[in-house]
Amino acid sequence: MTSTALPTSIDETEARLAERDYVPDRALATVIYLALRLQRPLFLEGEPGTGKTEVARTLAAMLGRPLIRLQCYEGLDLSGAAYEWDYPRQMMEIRLAERDASVTRESLATELFSERFLSQRPLLQAIDPKRAVPPVLLIDELDRADEPFEAFLLEVLAEFQITIPELGTVKAVQPPIVVLTSNRTREIHDAVKRRCLYHWTGFPTAARELEIVRRRVPGAGAELARQVVAFVQKLRGVELYKLPGIAETIDWTRALLELDAVVLDPEVIQHTLGVLLKYQDDIAAVQGSEALRLLEEARRIASDRVA
């Protein structure tokens, strides 16, 4: 059952996230709890596929709030992130006003730059003072945006407001819950980080990853789940271009389940590495004897856990 109230302790935060099948470690549960209680943006940085974006989705579901997502990309600007004036409608309004002698230039100028002609983008949607329920705002993969975009974010992150020169300042009545993520393809400016609570999301321990697999792929057998997690954990110790994240572990388990696999074997690994690894050089590095070595170690570790 969804409760819209904020959690009152770290233990409650951890438990309510787990109810939504998100398994945080204690440090992550702590920083999420503090971000909610202190009304501070949460900045999550780490490897791709380690559950950063899922934090925002889970919080929205957990608290019964809408999720507003701003997907960052190279070239993202104010019009794509915050607001844009509807120029075609403004031009139409000007043409109509030219036929009406009672309309003055002053009144027309005021009307043209009113909310009626303003197109809201994710940032402005999130702080709209007309909102009855503040949303969860996800600013995803900030490192993909250009550095100048970060300067615009400072006002939003510090004051939960946006200044529109033609209209004035729009400020949230109740601040949204803000989650920013970065895969660290470049460094994010300190000014952004200072306005946030920071957490590095690394790869999970074997025990935590196994619990995630059990929750996200409940149809997987216990032996298969143990072997998959052990194999992926060992695989992350190999020098690869892109290490598999939790998302890949879940996808691989689901794929193996579709193939009716009960345990890992060399053939099924050979045929499904493309689910787990996303670069041909990585697949080539793991195929053959390396995959057999990892499989043997995974079987041994999985057996030890049972014992």
C-alpha atoms as a PDB file:
ATOM      1  CA  MET A   1       0.000   0.000   0.000  1.00  0.00           C
ATOM      2  CA  THR A   2       1.360   3.422  -1.003  1.00  0.00           C
ATOM      3  CA  SER A   3       1.880   5.971   1.766  1.00  0.00           C
ATOM      4  CA  THR A   4       2.377   9.584   0.707  1.00  0.00           C
ATOM      5  CA  ALA A   5       4.048  10.459   4.025  1.00  0.00           C
ATOM      6  CA  LEU A   6       7.801  10.793   4.116  1.00  0.00           C
ATOM      7  CA  PRO A   7       9.659   8.075   6.018  1.00  0.00           C
ATOM      8  CA  THR A   8      10.554   8.967   9.593  1.00  0.00           C
ATOM      9  CA  SER A   9      13.717   6.882   9.904  1.00  0.00           C
ATOM     10  CA  ILE A  10      16.458   5.230   7.876  1.00  0.00           C
ATOM     11  CA  ASP A  11      15.020   1.816   8.714  1.00  0.00           C
ATOM     12  CA  GLU A  12      11.613   2.853   7.383  1.00  0.00           C
ATOM     13  CA  THR A  13      13.214   4.279   4.246  1.00  0.00           C
ATOM     14  CA  GLU A  14      15.050   1.014   3.638  1.00  0.00           C
ATOM     15  CA  ALA A  15      11.926  -1.056   4.273  1.00  0.00           C
ATOM     16  CA  ARG A  16       9.663   1.010   2.030  1.00  0.00           C
ATOM     17  CA  LEU A  17      12.169   0.926  -0.821  1.00  0.00           C
ATOM     18  CA  ALA A  18      12.428  -2.848  -0.400  1.00  0.00           C
ATOM     19  CA  GLU A  19       8.635  -3.097  -0.609  1.00  0.00           C
ATOM     20  CA  ARG A  20       9.025  -1.695  -4.129  1.00  0.00           C
ATOM     21  CA  ASP A  21      11.753  -4.279  -4.870  1.00  0.00           C
ATOM     22  CA  TYR A  22      14.553  -1.719  -4.636  1.00  0.00           C
ATOM     23  CA  VAL A  23      17.283  -3.094  -2.375  1.00  0.00           C
ATOM     24  CA  PRO A  24      19.531  -0.269  -1.121  1.00  0.00           C
ATOM     25  CA  ASP A  25      22.603  -0.622   1.025  1.00  0.00           C
ATOM     26  CA  ARG A  26      22.614   1.227   4.340  1.00  0.00           C
ATOM     27  CA  ALA A  27      24.590   4.213   3.036  1.00  0.00           C
ATOM     28  CA  LEU A  28      22.192   4.784   0.128  1.00  0.00           C
ATOM     29  CA  ALA A  29      19.132   4.424   2.372  1.00  0.00           C
ATOM     30  CA  THR A  30      20.669   7.004   4.722  1.00  0.00           C
ATOM     31  CA  VAL A  31      21.340   9.623   2.040  1.00  0.00           C
ATOM     32  CA  ILE A  32      17.860   9.127   0.536  1.00  0.00           C
ATOM     33  CA  TYR A  33      16.292   9.597   3.978  1.00  0.00           C
ATOM     34  CA  LEU A  34      18.309  12.779   4.564  1.00  0.00           C
ATOM     35  CA  ALA A  35      17.483  14.183   1.115  1.00  0.00           C
ATOM     36  CA  LEU A  36      13.774  13.686   1.792  1.00  0.00           C
ATOM     37  CA  ARG A  37      13.821  15.122   5.306  1.00  0.00           C
ATOM     38  CA  LEU A  38      16.123  18.062   4.532  1.00  0.00           C
ATOM     39  CA  GLN A  39      14.454  18.818   1.168  1.00  0.00           C
ATOM     40  CA  ARG A  40      17.808  18.748  -0.585  1.00  0.00           C
ATOM     41  CA  PRO A  41      18.473  17.505  -4.126  1.00  0.00           C
ATOM     42  CA  LEU A  42      20.139  14.086  -4.278  1.00  0.00           C
ATOM     43  CA  PHE A  43      23.084  13.683  -6.644  1.00  0.00           C
ATOM     44  CA  LEU A  44      23.853  10.064  -7.555  1.00  0.00           C
ATOM     45  CA  GLU A  45      27.052   9.348  -9.445  1.00  0.00           C
ATOM     46  CA  GLY A  46      28.431   6.003 -10.525  1.00  0.00           C
ATOM     47  CA  GLU A  47      28.772   3.351 -13.181  1.00  0.00           C
ATOM     48  CA  PRO A  48      25.908   2.861 -15.662  1.00  0.00           C
ATOM     49  CA  GLY A  49      23.433   0.210 -14.623  1.00  0.00           C
ATOM     50  CA  THR A  50      23.904   0.532 -10.868  1.00  0.00           C
ATOM     51  CA  GLY A  51      20.333   1.648 -10.113  1.00  0.00           C
ATOM     52  CA  LYS A  52      20.652   5.443 -10.048  1.00  0.00           C
ATOM     53  CA  THR A  53      17.673   6.214 -12.269  1.00  0.00           C
ATOM     54  CA  GLU A  54      15.646   3.531 -10.513  1.00  0.00           C
ATOM     55  CA  VAL A  55      15.937   5.471  -7.232  1.00  0.00           C
ATOM     56  CA  ALA A  56      13.789   8.271  -8.664  1.00  0.00           C
ATOM     57  CA  ARG A  57      11.249   5.863 -10.157  1.00  0.00           C
ATOM     58  CA  THR A  58      10.981   3.973  -6.880  1.00  0.00           C
ATOM     59  CA  LEU A  59      10.592   7.142  -4.803  1.00  0.00           C
ATOM     60  CA  ALA A  60       7.763   8.337  -7.066  1.00  0.00           C
ATOM     61  CA  ALA A  61       5.961   5.008  -6.707  1.00  0.00           C
ATOM     62  CA  MET A  62       6.709   4.757  -2.982  1.00  0.00           C
ATOM     63  CA  LEU A  63       5.348   8.236  -2.184  1.00  0.00           C
ATOM     64  CA  GLY A  64       2.526   8.253  -4.752  1.00  0.00           C
ATOM     65  CA  ARG A  65       3.977  11.237  -6.610  1.00  0.00           C
ATOM     66  CA  PRO A  66       4.239  11.910 -10.348  1.00  0.00           C
ATOM     67  CA  LEU A  67       7.659  11.421 -11.915  1.00  0.00           C
ATOM     68  CA  ILE A  68       8.951  14.159 -14.206  1.00  0.00           C
ATOM     69  CA  ARG A  69      12.079  13.168 -16.123  1.00  0.00           C
ATOM     70  CA  LEU A  70      14.540  15.470 -17.844  1.00  0.00           C
ATOM     71  CA  GLN A  71      16.812  13.319 -19.993  1.00  0.00           C
ATOM     72  CA  CYS A  72      20.005  15.282 -20.559  1.00  0.00           C
ATOM     73  CA  TYR A  73      21.848  15.307 -23.876  1.00  0.00           C
ATOM     74  CA  GLU A  74      24.481  17.333 -25.700  1.00  0.00           C
ATOM     75  CA  GLY A  75      23.025  20.668 -26.776  1.00  0.00           C
ATOM     76  CA  LEU A  76      20.265  20.719 -24.144  1.00  0.00           C
ATOM     77  CA  ASP A  77      19.264  24.328 -23.511  1.00  0.00           C
ATOM     78  CA  LEU A  78      16.684  26.430 -21.700  1.00  0.00           C
ATOM     79  CA  SER A  79      13.935  25.821 -24.251  1.00  0.00           C
ATOM     80  CA  GLY A  80      14.353  22.062 -23.975  1.00  0.00           C
ATOM     81  CA  ALA A  81      14.726  21.909 -20.196  1.00  0.00           C
ATOM     82  CA  ALA A  82      12.628  24.687 -18.673  1.00  0.00           C
ATOM     83  CA  TYR A  83      10.296  26.682 -20.917  1.00  0.00           C
ATOM     84  CA  GLU A  84       9.696  28.032 -24.387  1.00  0.00           C
ATOM     85  CA  TRP A  85       7.450  30.769 -25.722  1.00  0.00           C
ATOM     86  CA  ASP A  86       4.882  29.571 -28.255  1.00  0.00           C
ATOM     87  CA  TYR A  87       5.978  31.847 -31.100  1.00  0.00           C
ATOM     88  CA  PRO A  88       3.438  30.604 -33.715  1.00  0.00           C
ATOM     89  CA  ARG A  89       0.550  31.365 -31.346  1.00  0.00           C
ATOM     90  CA  GLN A  90       2.074  34.729 -30.475  1.00  0.00           C
ATOM     91  CA  MET A  91       2.314  35.641 -34.181  1.00  0.00           C
ATOM     92  CA  MET A  92      -1.312  34.649 -34.680  1.00  0.00           C
ATOM     93  CA  GLU A  93      -2.310  36.818 -31.724  1.00  0.00           C
ATOM     94  CA  ILE A  94      -0.421  39.773 -33.239  1.00  0.00           C
ATOM     95  CA  ARG A  95      -2.238  39.382 -36.563  1.00  0.00           C
ATOM     96  CA  LEU A  96      -5.603  39.219 -34.815  1.00  0.00           C
ATOM     97  CA  ALA A  97      -4.753  42.305 -32.731  1.00  0.00           C
ATOM     98  CA  GLU A  98      -3.877  44.274 -35.894  1.00  0.00           C
ATOM     99  CA  ARG A  99      -7.524  43.935 -36.948  1.00  0.00           C
ATOM    100  CA  ASP A 100      -8.816  45.120 -33.587  1.00  0.00           C
ATOM    101  CA  ALA A 101      -8.351  48.854 -33.107  1.00  0.00           C
ATOM    102  CA  SER A 102      -9.223  48.635 -29.400  1.00  0.00           C
ATOM    103  CA  VAL A 103      -6.075  46.629 -28.608  1.00  0.00           C
ATOM    104  CA  THR A 104      -3.139  48.812 -27.535  1.00  0.00           C
ATOM    105  CA  ARG A 105       0.500  47.916 -27.957  1.00  0.00           C
ATOM    106  CA  GLU A 106       0.996  47.853 -24.210  1.00  0.00           C
ATOM    107  CA  SER A 107      -1.856  45.441 -23.546  1.00  0.00           C
ATOM    108  CA  LEU A 108      -0.785  43.268 -26.481  1.00  0.00           C
ATOM    109  CA  ALA A 109       2.796  43.058 -25.185  1.00  0.00           C
ATOM    110  CA  THR A 110       1.549  42.072 -21.738  1.00  0.00           C
ATOM    111  CA  GLU A 111      -0.748  39.430 -23.168  1.00  0.00           C
ATOM    112  CA  LEU A 112       1.875  37.939 -25.500  1.00  0.00           C
ATOM    113  CA  PHE A 113       4.176  37.136 -22.602  1.00  0.00           C
ATOM    114  CA  SER A 114       1.570  35.693 -20.270  1.00  0.00           C
ATOM    115  CA  GLU A 115       1.301  32.095 -19.128  1.00  0.00           C
ATOM    116  CA  ARG A 116      -1.166  31.419 -21.932  1.00  0.00           C
ATOM    117  CA  PHE A 117       1.709  31.427 -24.424  1.00  0.00           C
ATOM    118  CA  LEU A 118       4.246  29.645 -22.230  1.00  0.00           C
ATOM    119  CA  SER A 119       5.140  26.030 -22.994  1.00  0.00           C
ATOM    120  CA  GLN A 120       6.376  24.275 -19.870  1.00  0.00           C
ATOM    121  CA  ARG A 121       9.284  21.853 -20.057  1.00  0.00           C
ATOM    122  CA  PRO A 122      10.281  19.408 -17.263  1.00  0.00           C
ATOM    123  CA  LEU A 123      12.018  21.870 -14.914  1.00  0.00           C
ATOM    124  CA  LEU A 124       9.178  24.386 -14.983  1.00  0.00           C
ATOM    125  CA  GLN A 125       6.582  21.611 -14.737  1.00  0.00           C
ATOM    126  CA  ALA A 126       8.279  20.355 -11.569  1.00  0.00           C
ATOM    127  CA  ILE A 127       8.122  23.721  -9.752  1.00  0.00           C
ATOM    128  CA  ASP A 128       4.724  24.842 -11.040  1.00  0.00           C
ATOM    129  CA  PRO A 129       3.097  26.546  -8.010  1.00  0.00           C
ATOM    130  CA  LYS A 130      -0.324  25.303  -9.183  1.00  0.00           C
ATOM    131  CA  ARG A 131       0.673  21.702  -8.455  1.00  0.00           C
ATOM    132  CA  ALA A 132      -1.282  20.166  -5.602  1.00  0.00           C
ATOM    133  CA  VAL A 133       1.338  17.438  -5.110  1.00  0.00           C
ATOM    134  CA  PRO A 134       5.055  18.134  -5.622  1.00  0.00           C
ATOM    135  CA  PRO A 135       6.558  15.610  -8.049  1.00  0.00           C
ATOM    136  CA  VAL A 136       9.794  13.680  -8.145  1.00  0.00           C
ATOM    137  CA  LEU A 137      12.063  15.452 -10.632  1.00  0.00           C
ATOM    138  CA  LEU A 138      14.673  13.230 -12.261  1.00  0.00           C
ATOM    139  CA  ILE A 139      17.524  15.056 -14.022  1.00  0.00           C
ATOM    140  CA  ASP A 140      19.034  12.031 -15.697  1.00  0.00           C
ATOM    141  CA  GLU A 141      22.617  11.702 -16.963  1.00  0.00           C
ATOM    142  CA  LEU A 142      23.608  15.319 -16.306  1.00  0.00           C
ATOM    143  CA  ASP A 143      27.116  14.527 -17.559  1.00  0.00           C
ATOM    144  CA  ARG A 144      25.690  14.237 -21.098  1.00  0.00           C
ATOM    145  CA  ALA A 145      24.641  17.912 -21.101  1.00  0.00           C
ATOM    146  CA  ASP A 146      27.051  20.729 -21.873  1.00  0.00           C
ATOM    147  CA  GLU A 147      28.788  22.433 -18.944  1.00  0.00           C
ATOM    148  CA  PRO A 148      27.015  25.827 -19.435  1.00  0.00           C
ATOM    149  CA  PHE A 149      23.682  24.119 -18.749  1.00  0.00           C
ATOM    150  CA  GLU A 150      24.802  23.441 -15.186  1.00  0.00           C
ATOM    151  CA  ALA A 151      24.893  27.181 -14.453  1.00  0.00           C
ATOM    152  CA  PHE A 152      21.180  27.458 -15.186  1.00  0.00           C
ATOM    153  CA  LEU A 153      20.431  24.567 -12.840  1.00  0.00           C
ATOM    154  CA  LEU A 154      21.882  26.384  -9.834  1.00  0.00           C
ATOM    155  CA  GLU A 155      18.788  28.543  -9.279  1.00  0.00           C
ATOM    156  CA  VAL A 156      16.514  25.514  -9.547  1.00  0.00           C
ATOM    157  CA  LEU A 157      18.578  23.402  -7.151  1.00  0.00           C
ATOM    158  CA  ALA A 158      19.125  26.141  -4.560  1.00  0.00           C
ATOM    159  CA  GLU A 159      15.790  27.990  -4.569  1.00  0.00           C
ATOM    160  CA  PHE A 160      13.397  25.684  -6.463  1.00  0.00           C
ATOM    161  CA  GLN A 161      12.571  28.562  -8.728  1.00  0.00           C
ATOM    162  CA  ILE A 162      13.110  29.780 -12.311  1.00  0.00           C
ATOM    163  CA  THR A 163      13.377  33.402 -13.367  1.00  0.00           C
ATOM    164  CA  ILE A 164      11.666  34.161 -16.684  1.00  0.00           C
ATOM    165  CA  PRO A 165      12.710  37.661 -17.821  1.00  0.00           C
ATOM    166  CA  GLU A 166       9.398  38.445 -19.558  1.00  0.00           C
ATOM    167  CA  LEU A 167       7.198  37.023 -16.819  1.00  0.00           C
ATOM    168  CA  GLY A 168       9.021  37.088 -13.484  1.00  0.00           C
ATOM    169  CA  THR A 169      10.053  34.409 -11.019  1.00  0.00           C
ATOM    170  CA  VAL A 170       8.176  31.130 -10.801  1.00  0.00           C
ATOM    171  CA  LYS A 171       8.742  29.433  -7.434  1.00  0.00           C
ATOM    172  CA  ALA A 172       7.493  26.120  -6.133  1.00  0.00           C
ATOM    173  CA  VAL A 173       5.041  26.309  -3.222  1.00  0.00           C
ATOM    174  CA  GLN A 174       6.231  22.871  -2.141  1.00  0.00           C
ATOM    175  CA  PRO A 175       9.666  21.843  -3.447  1.00  0.00           C
ATOM    176  CA  PRO A 176       9.873  18.749  -5.622  1.00  0.00           C
ATOM    177  CA  ILE A 177      12.045  15.794  -4.691  1.00  0.00           C
ATOM    178  CA  VAL A 178      15.020  16.176  -7.018  1.00  0.00           C
ATOM    179  CA  VAL A 179      17.301  13.318  -8.075  1.00  0.00           C
ATOM    180  CA  LEU A 180      20.252  14.002 -10.373  1.00  0.00           C
ATOM    181  CA  THR A 181      22.319  11.216 -11.922  1.00  0.00           C
ATOM    182  CA  SER A 182      25.677  11.100 -13.663  1.00  0.00           C
ATOM    183  CA  ASN A 183      27.681   8.275 -15.221  1.00  0.00           C
ATOM    184  CA  ARG A 184      30.797  10.413 -14.743  1.00  0.00           C
ATOM    185  CA  THR A 185      31.759  10.683 -18.400  1.00  0.00           C
ATOM    186  CA  ARG A 186      32.886  14.148 -17.309  1.00  0.00           C
ATOM    187  CA  GLU A 187      33.172  15.968 -13.997  1.00  0.00           C
ATOM    188  CA  ILE A 188      30.153  17.910 -12.769  1.00  0.00           C
ATOM    189  CA  HIS A 189      30.926  21.404 -11.458  1.00  0.00           C
ATOM    190  CA  ASP A 190      31.395  21.787  -7.709  1.00  0.00           C
ATOM    191  CA  ALA A 191      28.693  24.481  -7.596  1.00  0.00           C
ATOM    192  CA  VAL A 192      26.096  21.854  -8.559  1.00  0.00           C
ATOM    193  CA  LYS A 193      27.414  19.287  -6.096  1.00  0.00           C
ATOM    194  CA  ARG A 194      27.437  21.809  -3.229  1.00  0.00           C
ATOM    195  CA  ARG A 195      23.685  22.235  -3.569  1.00  0.00           C
ATOM    196  CA  CYS A 196      23.061  18.496  -3.331  1.00  0.00           C
ATOM    197  CA  LEU A 197      23.590  15.549  -1.050  1.00  0.00           C
ATOM    198  CA  TYR A 198      26.074  13.280  -2.842  1.00  0.00           C
ATOM    199  CA  HIS A 199      26.301   9.504  -3.082  1.00  0.00           C
ATOM    200  CA  TRP A 200      28.484   7.237  -5.190  1.00  0.00           C
ATOM    201  CA  THR A 201      26.531   4.190  -6.386  1.00  0.00           C
ATOM    202  CA  GLY A 202      28.959   1.366  -6.922  1.00  0.00           C
ATOM    203  CA  PHE A 203      28.378  -2.227  -7.905  1.00  0.00           C
ATOM    204  CA  PRO A 204      26.515  -4.196  -5.217  1.00  0.00           C
ATOM    205  CA  THR A 205      27.930  -6.896  -2.996  1.00  0.00           C
ATOM    206  CA  ALA A 206      27.140 -10.465  -4.023  1.00  0.00           C
ATOM    207  CA  ALA A 207      24.542 -10.826  -1.248  1.00  0.00           C
ATOM    208  CA  ARG A 208      22.749  -7.622  -2.220  1.00  0.00           C
ATOM    209  CA  GLU A 209      22.844  -8.460  -5.937  1.00  0.00           C
ATOM    210  CA  LEU A 210      21.420 -11.908  -5.228  1.00  0.00           C
ATOM    211  CA  GLU A 211      18.560 -10.330  -3.263  1.00  0.00           C
ATOM    212  CA  ILE A 212      17.908  -7.939  -6.176  1.00  0.00           C
ATOM    213  CA  VAL A 213      17.770 -10.835  -8.641  1.00  0.00           C
ATOM    214  CA  ARG A 214      15.415 -12.783  -6.388  1.00  0.00           C
ATOM    215  CA  ARG A 215      13.061  -9.812  -6.181  1.00  0.00           C
ATOM    216  CA  ARG A 216      13.233  -8.721  -9.816  1.00  0.00           C
ATOM    217  CA  VAL A 217      13.241 -12.217 -11.366  1.00  0.00           C
ATOM    218  CA  PRO A 218      11.233 -14.286  -8.883  1.00  0.00           C
ATOM    219  CA  GLY A 219      10.819 -17.130 -11.383  1.00  0.00           C
ATOM    220  CA  ALA A 220      14.539 -17.900 -11.452  1.00  0.00           C
ATOM    221  CA  GLY A 221      15.600 -20.985  -9.520  1.00  0.00           C
ATOM    222  CA  ALA A 222      17.825 -20.571  -6.484  1.00  0.00           C
ATOM    223  CA  GLU A 223      20.794 -22.364  -8.087  1.00  0.00           C
ATOM    224  CA  LEU A 224      20.587 -20.373 -11.314  1.00  0.00           C
ATOM    225  CA  ALA A 225      20.332 -17.086  -9.407  1.00  0.00           C
ATOM    226  CA  ARG A 226      23.385 -17.933  -7.291  1.00  0.00           C
ATOM    227  CA  GLN A 227      25.443 -18.950 -10.329  1.00  0.00           C
ATOM    228  CA  VAL A 228      24.432 -15.889 -12.339  1.00  0.00           C
ATOM    229  CA  VAL A 229      25.380 -13.504  -9.535  1.00  0.00           C
ATOM    230  CA  ALA A 230      28.659 -15.331  -8.857  1.00  0.00           C
ATOM    231  CA  PHE A 231      29.542 -15.276 -12.571  1.00  0.00           C
ATOM    232  CA  VAL A 232      28.773 -11.553 -12.936  1.00  0.00           C
ATOM    233  CA  GLN A 233      30.673 -10.703  -9.754  1.00  0.00           C
ATOM    234  CA  LYS A 234      33.759 -12.534 -11.081  1.00  0.00           C
ATOM    235  CA  LEU A 235      33.285 -10.982 -14.529  1.00  0.00           C
ATOM    236  CA  ARG A 236      33.579  -7.497 -13.024  1.00  0.00           C
ATOM    237  CA  GLY A 237      37.126  -8.414 -12.047  1.00  0.00           C
ATOM    238  CA  VAL A 238      38.082  -8.862 -15.715  1.00  0.00           C
ATOM    239  CA  GLU A 239      39.521  -5.897 -17.609  1.00  0.00           C
ATOM    240  CA  LEU A 240      36.637  -4.907 -19.894  1.00  0.00           C
ATOM    241  CA  TYR A 241      35.593  -1.718 -21.669  1.00  0.00           C
ATOM    242  CA  LYS A 242      32.139  -1.777 -20.055  1.00  0.00           C
ATOM    243  CA  LEU A 243      31.485  -3.822 -16.949  1.00  0.00           C
ATOM    244  CA  PRO A 244      27.970  -5.254 -16.606  1.00  0.00           C
ATOM    245  CA  GLY A 245      25.704  -3.451 -14.153  1.00  0.00           C
ATOM    246  CA  ILE A 246      22.768  -4.651 -12.099  1.00  0.00           C
ATOM    247  CA  ALA A 247      20.471  -4.007 -15.052  1.00  0.00           C
ATOM    248  CA  GLU A 248      22.477  -6.458 -17.176  1.00  0.00           C
ATOM    249  CA  THR A 249      22.419  -9.069 -14.407  1.00  0.00           C
ATOM    250  CA  ILE A 250      18.625  -8.849 -14.283  1.00  0.00           C
ATOM    251  CA  ASP A 251      18.289  -8.941 -18.076  1.00  0.00           C
ATOM    252  CA  TRP A 252      20.620 -11.947 -18.324  1.00  0.00           C
ATOM    253  CA  THR A 253      18.696 -13.850 -15.664  1.00  0.00           C
ATOM    254  CA  ARG A 254      15.421 -13.172 -17.470  1.00  0.00           C
ATOM    255  CA  ALA A 255      16.965 -14.290 -20.781  1.00  0.00           C
ATOM    256  CA  LEU A 256      18.252 -17.518 -19.226  1.00  0.00           C
ATOM    257  CA  LEU A 257      14.821 -18.134 -17.761  1.00  0.00           C
ATOM    258  CA  GLU A 258      13.259 -17.759 -21.210  1.00  0.00           C
ATOM    259  CA  LEU A 259      15.725 -20.397 -22.452  1.00  0.00           C
ATOM    260  CA  ASP A 260      14.609 -22.754 -19.667  1.00  0.00           C
ATOM    261  CA  ALA A 261      18.107 -22.767 -18.158  1.00  0.00           C
ATOM    262  CA  VAL A 262      18.285 -24.343 -14.733  1.00  0.00           C
ATOM    263  CA  VAL A 263      22.018 -23.765 -14.228  1.00  0.00           C
ATOM    264  CA  LEU A 264      24.803 -22.112 -16.200  1.00  0.00           C
ATOM    265  CA  ASP A 265      26.688 -24.153 -18.763  1.00  0.00           C
ATOM    266  CA  PRO A 266      29.339 -23.218 -21.369  1.00  0.00           C
ATOM    267  CA  GLU A 267      26.935 -23.353 -24.317  1.00  0.00           C
ATOM    268  CA  VAL A 268      24.259 -21.110 -22.836  1.00  0.00           C
ATOM    269  CA  ILE A 269      26.913 -18.599 -21.729  1.00  0.00           C
ATOM    270  CA  GLN A 270      28.426 -18.579 -25.222  1.00  0.00           C
ATOM    271  CA  HIS A 271      25.052 -17.879 -26.833  1.00  0.00           C
ATOM    272  CA  THR A 272      23.858 -15.196 -24.405  1.00  0.00           C
ATOM    273  CA  LEU A 273      26.946 -13.070 -23.701  1.00  0.00           C
ATOM    274  CA  GLY A 274      25.426 -10.328 -25.861  1.00  0.00           C
ATOM    275  CA  VAL A 275      22.755  -9.824 -23.196  1.00  0.00           C
ATOM    276  CA  LEU A 276      25.395  -9.281 -20.541  1.00  0.00           C
ATOM    277  CA  LEU A 277      28.119  -7.464 -22.510  1.00  0.00           C
ATOM    278  CA  LYS A 278      27.536  -4.668 -25.017  1.00  0.00           C
ATOM    279  CA  TYR A 279      30.856  -4.456 -26.875  1.00  0.00           C
ATOM    280  CA  GLN A 280      32.256  -7.056 -29.268  1.00  0.00           C
ATOM    281  CA  ASP A 281      35.784  -6.686 -27.897  1.00  0.00           C
ATOM    282  CA  ASP A 282      34.461  -7.503 -24.410  1.00  0.00           C
ATOM    283  CA  ILE A 283      32.548 -10.522 -25.711  1.00  0.00           C
ATOM    284  CA  ALA A 284      35.635 -11.768 -27.560  1.00  0.00           C
ATOM    285  CA  ALA A 285      37.743 -11.351 -24.418  1.00  0.00           C
ATOM    286  CA  VAL A 286      35.363 -13.480 -22.355  1.00  0.00           C
ATOM    287  CA  GLN A 287      34.442 -16.204 -24.835  1.00  0.00           C
ATOM    288  CA  GLY A 288      36.124 -19.601 -24.702  1.00  0.00           C
ATOM    289  CA  SER A 289      38.579 -20.453 -21.968  1.00  0.00           C
ATOM    290  CA  GLU A 290      37.960 -17.268 -19.972  1.00  0.00           C
ATOM    291  CA  ALA A 291      34.222 -18.008 -19.798  1.00  0.00           C
ATOM    292  CA  LEU A 292      34.990 -21.568 -18.657  1.00  0.00           C
ATOM    293  CA  ARG A 293      37.302 -20.272 -15.929  1.00  0.00           C
ATOM    294  CA  LEU A 294      34.662 -17.816 -14.696  1.00  0.00           C
ATOM    295  CA  LEU A 295      31.998 -20.530 -14.810  1.00  0.00           C
ATOM    296  CA  GLU A 296      34.087 -22.913 -12.703  1.00  0.00           C
ATOM    297  CA  GLU A 297      34.700 -20.206 -10.117  1.00  0.00           C
ATOM    298  CA  ALA A 298      31.020 -19.220 -10.149  1.00  0.00           C
ATOM    299  CA  ARG A 299      29.934 -22.826  -9.561  1.00  0.00           C
ATOM    300  CA  ARG A 300      32.361 -23.149  -6.675  1.00  0.00           C
ATOM    301  CA  ILE A 301      31.211 -19.893  -5.062  1.00  0.00           C
ATOM    302  CA  ALA A 302      27.532 -20.807  -5.534  1.00  0.00           C
ATOM    303  CA  SER A 303      28.148 -24.213  -3.941  1.00  0.00           C
ATOM    304  CA  ASP A 304      29.979 -22.632  -1.004  1.00  0.00           C
ATOM    305  CA  ARG A 305      26.993 -20.348  -0.353  1.00  0.00           C
ATOM    306  CA  VAL A 306      24.676 -23.339  -0.123  1.00  0.00           C
ATOM    307  CA  ALA A 307      27.069 -25.151   2.193  1.00  0.00           C
END
